[in-house]
Structures are given as structure tokens and as C-alpha cells.
Amino acid sequence: VAVRQAKKAIAYGSETDLETAMILAIEAYNATVVTEDRLEGVR
């Protein structure tokens, strides 16, 4: 999930202004942080 979200954030973020790109990155972070994988990684 983290890799997919990172690819999406890089792809779309590079095509827009930095402030919008940062918002996209935060959205990708939020989509990743609620996953079971994040819990498993920390554990």
C-alpha cells in the first residue's frame, strides 16, 4: 500500500505546483497510515 501510494504521489505531485503536491502527499500518507500493514510494520 505504501509503495502504491508513493508512486501515485510522485506521479501526480510532479505534474502540479508544490503546495498542491504536498497536499497530495499528505492524503497518500493518511491513506497508508490507517492500514493493517502500517501496524504490522511498527510491530
ModelCIF file with pLDDT and N, C-alpha, C, O atoms, coordinates in Angstrom:
data_MODEL
#
_entry.id   MODEL 
#
_entity.id                         1 
_entity.type                       polymer 
_entity.pdbx_number_of_molecules   1 
#
_entity_poly.entity_id                      1 
_entity_poly.type                           'polypeptide(L)' 
_entity_poly.nstd_linkage                   no 
_entity_poly.nstd_monomer                   no 
_entity_poly.pdbx_seq_one_letter_code       VAVRQAKKAIAYGSETDLETAMILAIEAYNATVVTEDRLEGVR 
_entity_poly.pdbx_seq_one_letter_code_can   VAVRQAKKAIAYGSETDLETAMILAIEAYNATVVTEDRLEGVR 
_entity_poly.pdbx_strand_id                 A 
#
loop_
_entity_poly_seq.entity_id 
_entity_poly_seq.num 
_entity_poly_seq.mon_id 
_entity_poly_seq.hetero 
1 1  VAL n 
1 2  ALA n 
1 3  VAL n 
1 4  ARG n 
1 5  GLN n 
1 6  ALA n 
1 7  LYS n 
1 8  LYS n 
1 9  ALA n 
1 10 ILE n 
1 11 ALA n 
1 12 TYR n 
1 13 GLY n 
1 14 SER n 
1 15 GLU n 
1 16 THR n 
1 17 ASP n 
1 18 LEU n 
1 19 GLU n 
1 20 THR n 
1 21 ALA n 
1 22 MET n 
1 23 ILE n 
1 24 LEU n 
1 25 ALA n 
1 26 ILE n 
1 27 GLU n 
1 28 ALA n 
1 29 TYR n 
1 30 ASN n 
1 31 ALA n 
1 32 THR n 
1 33 VAL n 
1 34 VAL n 
1 35 THR n 
1 36 GLU n 
1 37 ASP n 
1 38 ARG n 
1 39 LEU n 
1 40 GLU n 
1 41 GLY n 
1 42 VAL n 
1 43 ARG n 
#
_struct_asym.id          A 
_struct_asym.entity_id   1 
#
loop_
_ma_qa_metric.id 
_ma_qa_metric.mode 
_ma_qa_metric.name 
_ma_qa_metric.software_group_id 
_ma_qa_metric.type 
1 global pLDDT . pLDDT 
2 local  pLDDT . pLDDT 
#
_ma_qa_metric_global.metric_id      1 
_ma_qa_metric_global.metric_value   91.86 
_ma_qa_metric_global.model_id       1 
_ma_qa_metric_global.ordinal_id     1 
#
loop_
_ma_qa_metric_local.label_asym_id 
_ma_qa_metric_local.label_comp_id 
_ma_qa_metric_local.label_seq_id 
_ma_qa_metric_local.metric_id 
_ma_qa_metric_local.metric_value 
_ma_qa_metric_local.model_id 
_ma_qa_metric_local.ordinal_id 
A VAL 1  2 94.00 1 1  
A ALA 2  2 94.00 1 2  
A VAL 3  2 96.00 1 3  
A ARG 4  2 95.00 1 4  
A GLN 5  2 94.00 1 5  
A ALA 6  2 95.00 1 6  
A LYS 7  2 96.00 1 7  
A LYS 8  2 95.00 1 8  
A ALA 9  2 95.00 1 9  
A ILE 10 2 95.00 1 10 
A ALA 11 2 94.00 1 11 
A TYR 12 2 94.00 1 12 
A GLY 13 2 94.00 1 13 
A SER 14 2 91.00 1 14 
A GLU 15 2 90.00 1 15 
A THR 16 2 93.00 1 16 
A ASP 17 2 94.00 1 17 
A LEU 18 2 95.00 1 18 
A GLU 19 2 95.00 1 19 
A THR 20 2 95.00 1 20 
A ALA 21 2 94.00 1 21 
A MET 22 2 95.00 1 22 
A ILE 23 2 95.00 1 23 
A LEU 24 2 93.00 1 24 
A ALA 25 2 94.00 1 25 
A ILE 26 2 93.00 1 26 
A GLU 27 2 94.00 1 27 
A ALA 28 2 93.00 1 28 
A TYR 29 2 90.00 1 29 
A ASN 30 2 93.00 1 30 
A ALA 31 2 92.00 1 31 
A THR 32 2 91.00 1 32 
A VAL 33 2 90.00 1 33 
A VAL 34 2 91.00 1 34 
A THR 35 2 89.00 1 35 
A GLU 36 2 85.00 1 36 
A ASP 37 2 85.00 1 37 
A ARG 38 2 86.00 1 38 
A LEU 39 2 86.00 1 39 
A GLU 40 2 81.00 1 40 
A GLY 41 2 85.00 1 41 
A VAL 42 2 83.00 1 42 
A ARG 43 2 88.00 1 43 
#
loop_
_atom_site.group_PDB 
_atom_site.id 
_atom_site.type_symbol 
_atom_site.label_atom_id 
_atom_site.label_alt_id 
_atom_site.label_comp_id 
_atom_site.label_asym_id 
_atom_site.label_entity_id 
_atom_site.label_seq_id 
_atom_site.pdbx_PDB_ins_code 
_atom_site.Cartn_x 
_atom_site.Cartn_y 
_atom_site.Cartn_z 
_atom_site.occupancy 
_atom_site.B_iso_or_equiv 
_atom_site.pdbx_formal_charge 
_atom_site.auth_seq_id 
_atom_site.auth_comp_id 
_atom_site.auth_asym_id 
_atom_site.auth_atom_id 
_atom_site.pdbx_PDB_model_num 
ATOM 1   N N  . VAL A 1 1  ? 0.845  -1.195 0.000   1.00 94.00 ? 1  VAL A N  1 
ATOM 2   C CA . VAL A 1 1  ? 0.000  0.000  0.000   1.00 94.00 ? 1  VAL A CA 1 
ATOM 3   C C  . VAL A 1 1  ? 0.881  1.246  0.000   1.00 94.00 ? 1  VAL A C  1 
ATOM 4   O O  . VAL A 1 1  ? 0.626  2.191  -0.746  1.00 94.00 ? 1  VAL A O  1 
ATOM 5   N N  . ALA A 1 2  ? 1.913  1.245  0.834   1.00 94.00 ? 2  ALA A N  1 
ATOM 6   C CA . ALA A 1 2  ? 2.818  2.392  0.907   1.00 94.00 ? 2  ALA A CA 1 
ATOM 7   C C  . ALA A 1 2  ? 3.508  2.644  -0.427  1.00 94.00 ? 2  ALA A C  1 
ATOM 8   O O  . ALA A 1 2  ? 3.643  3.795  -0.844  1.00 94.00 ? 2  ALA A O  1 
ATOM 9   N N  . VAL A 1 3  ? 3.948  1.576  -1.105  1.00 96.00 ? 3  VAL A N  1 
ATOM 10  C CA . VAL A 1 3  ? 4.625  1.726  -2.393  1.00 96.00 ? 3  VAL A CA 1 
ATOM 11  C C  . VAL A 1 3  ? 3.653  2.271  -3.437  1.00 96.00 ? 3  VAL A C  1 
ATOM 12  O O  . VAL A 1 3  ? 4.007  3.174  -4.194  1.00 96.00 ? 3  VAL A O  1 
ATOM 13  N N  . ARG A 1 4  ? 2.442  1.737  -3.488  1.00 95.00 ? 4  ARG A N  1 
ATOM 14  C CA . ARG A 1 4  ? 1.450  2.221  -4.451  1.00 95.00 ? 4  ARG A CA 1 
ATOM 15  C C  . ARG A 1 4  ? 1.130  3.696  -4.208  1.00 95.00 ? 4  ARG A C  1 
ATOM 16  O O  . ARG A 1 4  ? 1.038  4.481  -5.151  1.00 95.00 ? 4  ARG A O  1 
ATOM 17  N N  . GLN A 1 5  ? 0.965  4.057  -2.959  1.00 94.00 ? 5  GLN A N  1 
ATOM 18  C CA . GLN A 1 5  ? 0.649  5.449  -2.641  1.00 94.00 ? 5  GLN A CA 1 
ATOM 19  C C  . GLN A 1 5  ? 1.831  6.362  -2.945  1.00 94.00 ? 5  GLN A C  1 
ATOM 20  O O  . GLN A 1 5  ? 1.642  7.499  -3.376  1.00 94.00 ? 5  GLN A O  1 
ATOM 21  N N  . ALA A 1 6  ? 3.051  5.871  -2.722  1.00 95.00 ? 6  ALA A N  1 
ATOM 22  C CA . ALA A 1 6  ? 4.233  6.671  -3.039  1.00 95.00 ? 6  ALA A CA 1 
ATOM 23  C C  . ALA A 1 6  ? 4.332  6.904  -4.540  1.00 95.00 ? 6  ALA A C  1 
ATOM 24  O O  . ALA A 1 6  ? 4.638  8.013  -4.978  1.00 95.00 ? 6  ALA A O  1 
ATOM 25  N N  . LYS A 1 7  ? 4.076  5.871  -5.324  1.00 96.00 ? 7  LYS A N  1 
ATOM 26  C CA . LYS A 1 7  ? 4.123  6.041  -6.777  1.00 96.00 ? 7  LYS A CA 1 
ATOM 27  C C  . LYS A 1 7  ? 3.076  7.055  -7.224  1.00 96.00 ? 7  LYS A C  1 
ATOM 28  O O  . LYS A 1 7  ? 3.359  7.921  -8.051  1.00 96.00 ? 7  LYS A O  1 
ATOM 29  N N  . LYS A 1 8  ? 1.879  6.950  -6.683  1.00 95.00 ? 8  LYS A N  1 
ATOM 30  C CA . LYS A 1 8  ? 0.814  7.878  -7.060  1.00 95.00 ? 8  LYS A CA 1 
ATOM 31  C C  . LYS A 1 8  ? 1.176  9.316  -6.685  1.00 95.00 ? 8  LYS A C  1 
ATOM 32  O O  . LYS A 1 8  ? 0.974  10.239 -7.474  1.00 95.00 ? 8  LYS A O  1 
ATOM 33  N N  . ALA A 1 9  ? 1.709  9.500  -5.483  1.00 95.00 ? 9  ALA A N  1 
ATOM 34  C CA . ALA A 1 9  ? 2.060  10.846 -5.028  1.00 95.00 ? 9  ALA A CA 1 
ATOM 35  C C  . ALA A 1 9  ? 3.164  11.455 -5.884  1.00 95.00 ? 9  ALA A C  1 
ATOM 36  O O  . ALA A 1 9  ? 3.115  12.640 -6.212  1.00 95.00 ? 9  ALA A O  1 
ATOM 37  N N  . ILE A 1 10 ? 4.162  10.646 -6.248  1.00 95.00 ? 10 ILE A N  1 
ATOM 38  C CA . ILE A 1 10 ? 5.242  11.150 -7.093  1.00 95.00 ? 10 ILE A CA 1 
ATOM 39  C C  . ILE A 1 10 ? 4.709  11.492 -8.488  1.00 95.00 ? 10 ILE A C  1 
ATOM 40  O O  . ILE A 1 10 ? 5.019  12.550 -9.035  1.00 95.00 ? 10 ILE A O  1 
ATOM 41  N N  . ALA A 1 11 ? 3.908  10.589 -9.056  1.00 94.00 ? 11 ALA A N  1 
ATOM 42  C CA . ALA A 1 11 ? 3.421  10.779 -10.419 1.00 94.00 ? 11 ALA A CA 1 
ATOM 43  C C  . ALA A 1 11 ? 2.572  12.028 -10.551 1.00 94.00 ? 11 ALA A C  1 
ATOM 44  O O  . ALA A 1 11 ? 2.793  12.840 -11.449 1.00 94.00 ? 11 ALA A O  1 
ATOM 45  N N  . TYR A 1 12 ? 1.606  12.186 -9.668  1.00 94.00 ? 12 TYR A N  1 
ATOM 46  C CA . TYR A 1 12 ? 0.697  13.319 -9.782  1.00 94.00 ? 12 TYR A CA 1 
ATOM 47  C C  . TYR A 1 12 ? 1.284  14.579 -9.150  1.00 94.00 ? 12 TYR A C  1 
ATOM 48  O O  . TYR A 1 12 ? 1.001  15.689 -9.599  1.00 94.00 ? 12 TYR A O  1 
ATOM 49  N N  . GLY A 1 13 ? 2.090  14.412 -8.122  1.00 94.00 ? 13 GLY A N  1 
ATOM 50  C CA . GLY A 1 13 ? 2.702  15.576 -7.498  1.00 94.00 ? 13 GLY A CA 1 
ATOM 51  C C  . GLY A 1 13 ? 3.682  16.290 -8.398  1.00 94.00 ? 13 GLY A C  1 
ATOM 52  O O  . GLY A 1 13 ? 3.819  17.511 -8.327  1.00 94.00 ? 13 GLY A O  1 
ATOM 53  N N  . SER A 1 14 ? 4.370  15.537 -9.248  1.00 91.00 ? 14 SER A N  1 
ATOM 54  C CA . SER A 1 14 ? 5.352  16.157 -10.140 1.00 91.00 ? 14 SER A CA 1 
ATOM 55  C C  . SER A 1 14 ? 4.699  16.951 -11.258 1.00 91.00 ? 14 SER A C  1 
ATOM 56  O O  . SER A 1 14 ? 5.374  17.705 -11.959 1.00 91.00 ? 14 SER A O  1 
ATOM 57  N N  . GLU A 1 15 ? 3.392  16.791 -11.432 1.00 90.00 ? 15 GLU A N  1 
ATOM 58  C CA . GLU A 1 15 ? 2.671  17.488 -12.501 1.00 90.00 ? 15 GLU A CA 1 
ATOM 59  C C  . GLU A 1 15 ? 1.904  18.710 -12.018 1.00 90.00 ? 15 GLU A C  1 
ATOM 60  O O  . GLU A 1 15 ? 1.130  19.295 -12.775 1.00 90.00 ? 15 GLU A O  1 
ATOM 61  N N  . THR A 1 16 ? 2.111  19.101 -10.760 1.00 93.00 ? 16 THR A N  1 
ATOM 62  C CA . THR A 1 16 ? 1.363  20.233 -10.231 1.00 93.00 ? 16 THR A CA 1 
ATOM 63  C C  . THR A 1 16 ? 2.287  21.136 -9.420  1.00 93.00 ? 16 THR A C  1 
ATOM 64  O O  . THR A 1 16 ? 3.485  20.869 -9.325  1.00 93.00 ? 16 THR A O  1 
ATOM 65  N N  . ASP A 1 17 ? 1.745  22.193 -8.838  1.00 94.00 ? 17 ASP A N  1 
ATOM 66  C CA . ASP A 1 17 ? 2.566  23.087 -8.022  1.00 94.00 ? 17 ASP A CA 1 
ATOM 67  C C  . ASP A 1 17 ? 2.906  22.411 -6.700  1.00 94.00 ? 17 ASP A C  1 
ATOM 68  O O  . ASP A 1 17 ? 2.255  21.447 -6.297  1.00 94.00 ? 17 ASP A O  1 
ATOM 69  N N  . LEU A 1 18 ? 3.935  22.930 -6.028  1.00 95.00 ? 18 LEU A N  1 
ATOM 70  C CA . LEU A 1 18 ? 4.452  22.277 -4.831  1.00 95.00 ? 18 LEU A CA 1 
ATOM 71  C C  . LEU A 1 18 ? 3.417  22.217 -3.712  1.00 95.00 ? 18 LEU A C  1 
ATOM 72  O O  . LEU A 1 18 ? 3.308  21.196 -3.033  1.00 95.00 ? 18 LEU A O  1 
ATOM 73  N N  . GLU A 1 19 ? 2.657  23.291 -3.508  1.00 95.00 ? 19 GLU A N  1 
ATOM 74  C CA . GLU A 1 19 ? 1.681  23.287 -2.412  1.00 95.00 ? 19 GLU A CA 1 
ATOM 75  C C  . GLU A 1 19 ? 0.618  22.208 -2.635  1.00 95.00 ? 19 GLU A C  1 
ATOM 76  O O  . GLU A 1 19 ? 0.261  21.482 -1.707  1.00 95.00 ? 19 GLU A O  1 
ATOM 77  N N  . THR A 1 20 ? 0.121  22.106 -3.860  1.00 95.00 ? 20 THR A N  1 
ATOM 78  C CA . THR A 1 20 ? -0.852 21.058 -4.169  1.00 95.00 ? 20 THR A CA 1 
ATOM 79  C C  . THR A 1 20 ? -0.217 19.685 -4.026  1.00 95.00 ? 20 THR A C  1 
ATOM 80  O O  . THR A 1 20 ? -0.846 18.755 -3.522  1.00 95.00 ? 20 THR A O  1 
ATOM 81  N N  . ALA A 1 21 ? 1.039  19.555 -4.470  1.00 94.00 ? 21 ALA A N  1 
ATOM 82  C CA . ALA A 1 21 ? 1.743  18.277 -4.360  1.00 94.00 ? 21 ALA A CA 1 
ATOM 83  C C  . ALA A 1 21 ? 1.890  17.853 -2.899  1.00 94.00 ? 21 ALA A C  1 
ATOM 84  O O  . ALA A 1 21 ? 1.756  16.672 -2.579  1.00 94.00 ? 21 ALA A O  1 
ATOM 85  N N  . MET A 1 22 ? 2.161  18.803 -2.019  1.00 95.00 ? 22 MET A N  1 
ATOM 86  C CA . MET A 1 22 ? 2.271  18.482 -0.598  1.00 95.00 ? 22 MET A CA 1 
ATOM 87  C C  . MET A 1 22 ? 0.935  17.986 -0.043  1.00 95.00 ? 22 MET A C  1 
ATOM 88  O O  . MET A 1 22 ? 0.900  17.083 0.793   1.00 95.00 ? 22 MET A O  1 
ATOM 89  N N  . ILE A 1 23 ? -0.158 18.580 -0.510  1.00 95.00 ? 23 ILE A N  1 
ATOM 90  C CA . ILE A 1 23 ? -1.484 18.125 -0.086  1.00 95.00 ? 23 ILE A CA 1 
ATOM 91  C C  . ILE A 1 23 ? -1.727 16.699 -0.561  1.00 95.00 ? 23 ILE A C  1 
ATOM 92  O O  . ILE A 1 23 ? -2.249 15.872 0.188   1.00 95.00 ? 23 ILE A O  1 
ATOM 93  N N  . LEU A 1 24 ? -1.347 16.407 -1.815  1.00 93.00 ? 24 LEU A N  1 
ATOM 94  C CA . LEU A 1 24 ? -1.488 15.051 -2.341  1.00 93.00 ? 24 LEU A CA 1 
ATOM 95  C C  . LEU A 1 24 ? -0.664 14.059 -1.518  1.00 93.00 ? 24 LEU A C  1 
ATOM 96  O O  . LEU A 1 24 ? -1.111 12.944 -1.250  1.00 93.00 ? 24 LEU A O  1 
ATOM 97  N N  . ALA A 1 25 ? 0.536  14.469 -1.122  1.00 94.00 ? 25 ALA A N  1 
ATOM 98  C CA . ALA A 1 25 ? 1.397  13.593 -0.336  1.00 94.00 ? 25 ALA A CA 1 
ATOM 99  C C  . ALA A 1 25 ? 0.794  13.309 1.035   1.00 94.00 ? 25 ALA A C  1 
ATOM 100 O O  . ALA A 1 25 ? 0.876  12.185 1.531   1.00 94.00 ? 25 ALA A O  1 
ATOM 101 N N  . ILE A 1 26 ? 0.192  14.318 1.643   1.00 93.00 ? 26 ILE A N  1 
ATOM 102 C CA . ILE A 1 26 ? -0.451 14.118 2.944   1.00 93.00 ? 26 ILE A CA 1 
ATOM 103 C C  . ILE A 1 26 ? -1.641 13.177 2.814   1.00 93.00 ? 26 ILE A C  1 
ATOM 104 O O  . ILE A 1 26 ? -1.869 12.334 3.682   1.00 93.00 ? 26 ILE A O  1 
ATOM 105 N N  . GLU A 1 27 ? -2.395 13.320 1.734   1.00 94.00 ? 27 GLU A N  1 
ATOM 106 C CA . GLU A 1 27 ? -3.515 12.405 1.503   1.00 94.00 ? 27 GLU A CA 1 
ATOM 107 C C  . GLU A 1 27 ? -3.021 10.974 1.327   1.00 94.00 ? 27 GLU A C  1 
ATOM 108 O O  . GLU A 1 27 ? -3.648 10.032 1.812   1.00 94.00 ? 27 GLU A O  1 
ATOM 109 N N  . ALA A 1 28 ? -1.895 10.814 0.632   1.00 93.00 ? 28 ALA A N  1 
ATOM 110 C CA . ALA A 1 28 ? -1.318 9.481  0.458   1.00 93.00 ? 28 ALA A CA 1 
ATOM 111 C C  . ALA A 1 28 ? -0.848 8.922  1.800   1.00 93.00 ? 28 ALA A C  1 
ATOM 112 O O  . ALA A 1 28 ? -1.010 7.736  2.083   1.00 93.00 ? 28 ALA A O  1 
ATOM 113 N N  . TYR A 1 29 ? -0.269 9.786  2.610   1.00 90.00 ? 29 TYR A N  1 
ATOM 114 C CA . TYR A 1 29 ? 0.153  9.372  3.948   1.00 90.00 ? 29 TYR A CA 1 
ATOM 115 C C  . TYR A 1 29 ? -1.053 8.903  4.765   1.00 90.00 ? 29 TYR A C  1 
ATOM 116 O O  . TYR A 1 29 ? -1.011 7.849  5.401   1.00 90.00 ? 29 TYR A O  1 
ATOM 117 N N  . ASN A 1 30 ? -2.106 9.680  4.742   1.00 93.00 ? 30 ASN A N  1 
ATOM 118 C CA . ASN A 1 30 ? -3.292 9.330  5.526   1.00 93.00 ? 30 ASN A CA 1 
ATOM 119 C C  . ASN A 1 30 ? -3.930 8.031  5.043   1.00 93.00 ? 30 ASN A C  1 
ATOM 120 O O  . ASN A 1 30 ? -4.471 7.268  5.844   1.00 93.00 ? 30 ASN A O  1 
ATOM 121 N N  . ALA A 1 31 ? -3.868 7.779  3.737   1.00 92.00 ? 31 ALA A N  1 
ATOM 122 C CA . ALA A 1 31 ? -4.413 6.533  3.204   1.00 92.00 ? 31 ALA A CA 1 
ATOM 123 C C  . ALA A 1 31 ? -3.565 5.335  3.616   1.00 92.00 ? 31 ALA A C  1 
ATOM 124 O O  . ALA A 1 31 ? -4.066 4.213  3.685   1.00 92.00 ? 31 ALA A O  1 
ATOM 125 N N  . THR A 1 32 ? -2.297 5.565  3.888   1.00 91.00 ? 32 THR A N  1 
ATOM 126 C CA . THR A 1 32 ? -1.386 4.485  4.261   1.00 91.00 ? 32 THR A CA 1 
ATOM 127 C C  . THR A 1 32 ? -1.389 4.208  5.757   1.00 91.00 ? 32 THR A C  1 
ATOM 128 O O  . THR A 1 32 ? -1.295 3.055  6.177   1.00 91.00 ? 32 THR A O  1 
ATOM 129 N N  . VAL A 1 33 ? -1.496 5.246  6.549   1.00 90.00 ? 33 VAL A N  1 
ATOM 130 C CA . VAL A 1 33 ? -1.290 5.116  7.989   1.00 90.00 ? 33 VAL A CA 1 
ATOM 131 C C  . VAL A 1 33 ? -2.410 4.350  8.679   1.00 90.00 ? 33 VAL A C  1 
ATOM 132 O O  . VAL A 1 33 ? -2.220 3.865  9.795   1.00 90.00 ? 33 VAL A O  1 
ATOM 133 N N  . VAL A 1 34 ? -3.567 4.229  8.047   1.00 91.00 ? 34 VAL A N  1 
ATOM 134 C CA . VAL A 1 34 ? -4.697 3.515  8.663   1.00 91.00 ? 34 VAL A CA 1 
ATOM 135 C C  . VAL A 1 34 ? -4.726 2.032  8.296   1.00 91.00 ? 34 VAL A C  1 
ATOM 136 O O  . VAL A 1 34 ? -5.672 1.330  8.655   1.00 91.00 ? 34 VAL A O  1 
ATOM 137 N N  . THR A 1 35 ? -3.706 1.546  7.587   1.00 89.00 ? 35 THR A N  1 
ATOM 138 C CA . THR A 1 35 ? -3.736 0.170  7.109   1.00 89.00 ? 35 THR A CA 1 
ATOM 139 C C  . THR A 1 35 ? -3.201 -0.820 8.140   1.00 89.00 ? 35 THR A C  1 
ATOM 140 O O  . THR A 1 35 ? -2.473 -0.452 9.063   1.00 89.00 ? 35 THR A O  1 
ATOM 141 N N  . GLU A 1 36 ? -3.577 -2.075 7.961   1.00 85.00 ? 36 GLU A N  1 
ATOM 142 C CA . GLU A 1 36 ? -3.031 -3.149 8.779   1.00 85.00 ? 36 GLU A CA 1 
ATOM 143 C C  . GLU A 1 36 ? -1.525 -3.279 8.566   1.00 85.00 ? 36 GLU A C  1 
ATOM 144 O O  . GLU A 1 36 ? -0.792 -3.632 9.490   1.00 85.00 ? 36 GLU A O  1 
ATOM 145 N N  . ASP A 1 37 ? -1.069 -2.995 7.353   1.00 85.00 ? 37 ASP A N  1 
ATOM 146 C CA . ASP A 1 37 ? 0.360  -3.086 7.065   1.00 85.00 ? 37 ASP A CA 1 
ATOM 147 C C  . ASP A 1 37 ? 1.167  -2.113 7.913   1.00 85.00 ? 37 ASP A C  1 
ATOM 148 O O  . ASP A 1 37 ? 2.267  -2.443 8.355   1.00 85.00 ? 37 ASP A O  1 
ATOM 149 N N  . ARG A 1 38 ? 0.635  -0.925 8.142   1.00 86.00 ? 38 ARG A N  1 
ATOM 150 C CA . ARG A 1 38 ? 1.365  0.028  8.984   1.00 86.00 ? 38 ARG A CA 1 
ATOM 151 C C  . ARG A 1 38 ? 1.507  -0.520 10.399  1.00 86.00 ? 38 ARG A C  1 
ATOM 152 O O  . ARG A 1 38 ? 2.575  -0.415 11.003  1.00 86.00 ? 38 ARG A O  1 
ATOM 153 N N  . LEU A 1 39 ? 0.438  -1.103 10.929  1.00 86.00 ? 39 LEU A N  1 
ATOM 154 C CA . LEU A 1 39 ? 0.503  -1.705 12.264  1.00 86.00 ? 39 LEU A CA 1 
ATOM 155 C C  . LEU A 1 39 ? 1.515  -2.846 12.290  1.00 86.00 ? 39 LEU A C  1 
ATOM 156 O O  . LEU A 1 39 ? 2.292  -2.974 13.236  1.00 86.00 ? 39 LEU A O  1 
ATOM 157 N N  . GLU A 1 40 ? 1.501  -3.677 11.243  1.00 81.00 ? 40 GLU A N  1 
ATOM 158 C CA . GLU A 1 40 ? 2.425  -4.803 11.163  1.00 81.00 ? 40 GLU A CA 1 
ATOM 159 C C  . GLU A 1 40 ? 3.865  -4.315 11.061  1.00 81.00 ? 40 GLU A C  1 
ATOM 160 O O  . GLU A 1 40 ? 4.754  -4.901 11.678  1.00 81.00 ? 40 GLU A O  1 
ATOM 161 N N  . GLY A 1 41 ? 4.114  -3.257 10.297  1.00 85.00 ? 41 GLY A N  1 
ATOM 162 C CA . GLY A 1 41 ? 5.460  -2.747 10.152  1.00 85.00 ? 41 GLY A CA 1 
ATOM 163 C C  . GLY A 1 41 ? 6.034  -2.242 11.455  1.00 85.00 ? 41 GLY A C  1 
ATOM 164 O O  . GLY A 1 41 ? 7.187  -2.526 11.780  1.00 85.00 ? 41 GLY A O  1 
ATOM 165 N N  . VAL A 1 42 ? 5.236  -1.488 12.211  1.00 83.00 ? 42 VAL A N  1 
ATOM 166 C CA . VAL A 1 42 ? 5.694  -0.966 13.507  1.00 83.00 ? 42 VAL A CA 1 
ATOM 167 C C  . VAL A 1 42 ? 5.899  -2.108 14.495  1.00 83.00 ? 42 VAL A C  1 
ATOM 168 O O  . VAL A 1 42 ? 6.866  -2.119 15.256  1.00 83.00 ? 42 VAL A O  1 
ATOM 169 N N  . ARG A 1 43 ? 4.976  -3.067 14.472  1.00 88.00 ? 43 ARG A N  1 
ATOM 170 C CA . ARG A 1 43 ? 5.074  -4.217 15.375  1.00 88.00 ? 43 ARG A CA 1 
ATOM 171 C C  . ARG A 1 43 ? 6.328  -5.030 15.068  1.00 88.00 ? 43 ARG A C  1 
ATOM 172 O O  . ARG A 1 43 ? 6.586  -6.039 15.724  1.00 88.00 ? 43 ARG A O  1 
#
